[in-house]
Amino acid sequence: MNIISLENKLNSIENYISDFEQRNLKISKATVGWHLDHSLKVINTVIFSMEKSDPNLYKDNFKFLGKLLLGLNFFPKGKAKAPKYVLPPDTILKEEIVSQLKLAKENINKIEKLDTNAFFKHPLFGNVNKKRVVPFLNAHTNHHLKIIKNILK
């Protein structure tokens, strides 16, 4: 389980924290901070969900679309709606992003220790297990980092 790519993405997130209030409505309705907060919430929630999952209940129902998008390391912009529990609050605090980043750095190190069939349920893709979680988190985080780069251009 190679988490180096995720570590690199977390380093990128860290580098963008100082720009958290920046916005470019031509690119996104959301601020840089929104994208940072959301990306970190997804990482932390996914890993927490996998830790709490019952591997005996895992069913491989991963959709073709998920395989295709993860294979391409790509999420299309504006096609999916994030579940409420990973949406940032109305007021995004820099300290909260820093705190979530610290937790994410700890959490990604837990992936290796997860059961092979630890999983979380993705609303579009189906069950994402240990084998697919790093590619999923990479593609999702990469999607938001690309938007952040475009906001800051």
Protein backbone atom coordinates (compact mmCIF):
# COMPACT_ATOMS: atom_id res chain seq x y z
CA MET A 1 0.00 0.00 0.00
CA ASN A 2 1.82 3.08 -1.24
CA ILE A 3 0.64 6.23 0.51
CA ILE A 4 3.49 8.48 -0.71
CA SER A 5 1.19 10.04 -3.32
CA LEU A 6 -1.33 10.88 -0.58
CA GLU A 7 1.44 12.33 1.60
CA ASN A 8 2.42 14.55 -1.34
CA LYS A 9 -1.15 15.71 -1.76
CA LEU A 10 -1.39 16.54 1.94
CA ASN A 11 1.81 18.58 1.58
CA SER A 12 0.16 20.46 -1.31
CA ILE A 13 -2.89 21.10 0.87
CA GLU A 14 -0.61 22.45 3.58
CA ASN A 15 1.01 24.81 1.09
CA TYR A 16 -2.40 26.23 0.09
CA ILE A 17 -3.66 26.94 3.63
CA SER A 18 -2.40 30.54 3.52
CA ASP A 19 -4.66 31.09 0.47
CA PHE A 20 -7.75 29.67 2.16
CA GLU A 21 -9.83 32.85 1.71
CA GLN A 22 -9.11 33.17 -2.01
CA ARG A 23 -11.99 32.85 -4.45
CA ASN A 24 -12.50 32.97 -8.23
CA LEU A 25 -16.15 32.72 -9.20
CA LYS A 26 -15.25 31.90 -12.82
CA ILE A 27 -13.72 28.64 -11.54
CA SER A 28 -15.75 27.71 -8.45
CA LYS A 29 -18.42 29.17 -6.18
CA ALA A 30 -16.31 27.91 -3.27
CA THR A 31 -13.16 29.36 -1.73
CA VAL A 32 -9.79 27.62 -1.60
CA GLY A 33 -10.56 26.92 2.06
CA TRP A 34 -13.78 25.14 1.12
CA HIS A 35 -11.89 22.78 -1.20
CA LEU A 36 -9.17 22.18 1.42
CA ASP A 37 -11.70 21.54 4.18
CA HIS A 38 -13.78 19.22 2.01
CA SER A 39 -10.76 17.22 0.80
CA LEU A 40 -9.56 16.69 4.36
CA LYS A 41 -13.04 15.79 5.61
CA VAL A 42 -13.28 13.14 2.89
CA ILE A 43 -9.88 11.62 3.76
CA ASN A 44 -10.63 11.55 7.48
CA THR A 45 -14.23 10.33 7.12
CA VAL A 46 -13.30 7.59 4.63
CA ILE A 47 -10.54 6.18 6.82
CA PHE A 48 -12.69 6.42 9.96
CA SER A 49 -15.54 4.62 8.14
CA MET A 50 -13.19 1.89 6.95
CA GLU A 51 -11.84 1.37 10.47
CA LYS A 52 -15.39 0.98 11.77
CA SER A 53 -16.60 -1.21 8.88
CA ASP A 54 -17.26 -4.93 9.26
CA PRO A 55 -15.04 -6.66 6.66
CA ASN A 56 -17.44 -9.63 6.70
CA LEU A 57 -20.13 -7.40 5.20
CA TYR A 58 -17.97 -6.32 2.25
CA LYS A 59 -19.45 -7.03 -1.17
CA ASP A 60 -17.58 -6.17 -4.34
CA ASN A 61 -20.18 -4.03 -6.06
CA PHE A 62 -17.74 -1.42 -7.35
CA LYS A 63 -19.16 0.13 -10.50
CA PHE A 64 -17.46 0.24 -13.91
CA LEU A 65 -17.58 4.06 -13.80
CA GLY A 66 -15.57 4.02 -10.58
CA LYS A 67 -12.97 1.69 -12.08
CA LEU A 68 -12.68 3.90 -15.13
CA LEU A 69 -12.37 7.18 -13.22
CA LEU A 70 -9.90 5.79 -10.68
CA GLY A 71 -7.87 4.23 -13.50
CA LEU A 72 -7.66 7.69 -15.05
CA ASN A 73 -7.06 9.36 -11.63
CA PHE A 74 -9.90 11.69 -12.59
CA PHE A 75 -13.16 13.03 -11.19
CA PRO A 76 -15.29 15.14 -13.56
CA LYS A 77 -15.94 18.68 -12.30
CA GLY A 78 -19.46 19.47 -11.12
CA LYS A 79 -20.94 16.02 -11.72
CA ALA A 80 -21.29 14.74 -8.16
CA LYS A 81 -22.80 16.27 -5.05
CA ALA A 82 -20.90 15.73 -1.81
CA PRO A 83 -22.85 14.11 1.04
CA LYS A 84 -23.70 16.55 3.85
CA TYR A 85 -21.29 14.98 6.34
CA VAL A 86 -18.25 15.96 4.23
CA LEU A 87 -19.44 19.47 3.42
CA PRO A 88 -17.47 22.30 5.03
CA PRO A 89 -19.21 24.63 7.50
CA ASP A 90 -20.43 28.06 6.36
CA THR A 91 -17.47 29.67 8.11
CA ILE A 92 -14.18 27.96 7.43
CA LEU A 93 -11.47 28.55 9.99
CA LYS A 94 -7.79 28.28 9.17
CA GLU A 95 -7.20 26.52 12.53
CA GLU A 96 -9.79 23.90 11.62
CA ILE A 97 -8.05 23.15 8.31
CA VAL A 98 -4.71 22.84 10.15
CA SER A 99 -6.29 20.50 12.70
CA GLN A 100 -7.90 18.32 10.01
CA LEU A 101 -4.62 18.20 8.09
CA LYS A 102 -2.79 16.92 11.17
CA LEU A 103 -5.45 14.23 11.59
CA ALA A 104 -5.29 13.28 7.90
CA LYS A 105 -1.51 12.84 8.12
CA GLU A 106 -2.05 10.42 11.01
CA ASN A 107 -5.00 8.69 9.35
CA ILE A 108 -3.35 7.84 6.04
CA ASN A 109 -0.80 5.80 7.98
CA LYS A 110 -3.67 3.62 9.25
CA ILE A 111 -4.60 2.46 5.74
CA GLU A 112 -1.88 -0.17 5.64
CA LYS A 113 -3.16 -1.79 8.85
CA LEU A 114 -6.76 -2.03 7.63
CA ASP A 115 -8.30 -5.41 6.86
CA THR A 116 -8.25 -6.23 3.12
CA ASN A 117 -12.05 -6.07 3.10
CA ALA A 118 -12.42 -2.95 5.22
CA PHE A 119 -14.60 -0.66 3.13
CA PHE A 120 -16.76 2.43 2.89
CA LYS A 121 -19.88 2.91 0.80
CA HIS A 122 -19.51 5.48 -1.96
CA PRO A 123 -22.83 6.90 -3.16
CA LEU A 124 -21.95 6.50 -6.88
CA PHE A 125 -19.18 3.91 -7.07
CA GLY A 126 -20.36 1.30 -4.57
CA ASN A 127 -18.13 -0.26 -1.91
CA VAL A 128 -14.54 0.96 -1.87
CA ASN A 129 -12.18 -1.49 -0.16
CA LYS A 130 -8.57 -1.23 1.00
CA LYS A 131 -7.19 -2.00 -2.47
CA ARG A 132 -9.13 0.91 -3.98
CA VAL A 133 -9.03 3.48 -1.18
CA VAL A 134 -5.66 5.07 -2.01
CA PRO A 135 -6.52 5.49 -5.71
CA PHE A 136 -9.92 6.89 -4.68
CA LEU A 137 -8.45 9.39 -2.20
CA ASN A 138 -5.74 10.34 -4.70
CA ALA A 139 -8.25 11.00 -7.48
CA HIS A 140 -10.63 12.91 -5.21
CA THR A 141 -7.92 15.06 -3.62
CA ASN A 142 -6.27 15.65 -7.00
CA HIS A 143 -9.64 16.86 -8.36
CA HIS A 144 -9.88 19.52 -5.65
CA LEU A 145 -6.19 20.50 -5.89
CA LYS A 146 -6.68 21.16 -9.63
CA ILE A 147 -9.62 23.43 -8.85
CA ILE A 148 -7.54 25.26 -6.21
CA LYS A 149 -4.69 25.77 -8.71
CA ASN A 150 -7.20 27.23 -11.19
CA ILE A 151 -8.73 29.52 -8.54
CA LEU A 152 -5.25 30.90 -7.76
CA LYS A 153 -4.16 31.44 -11.40
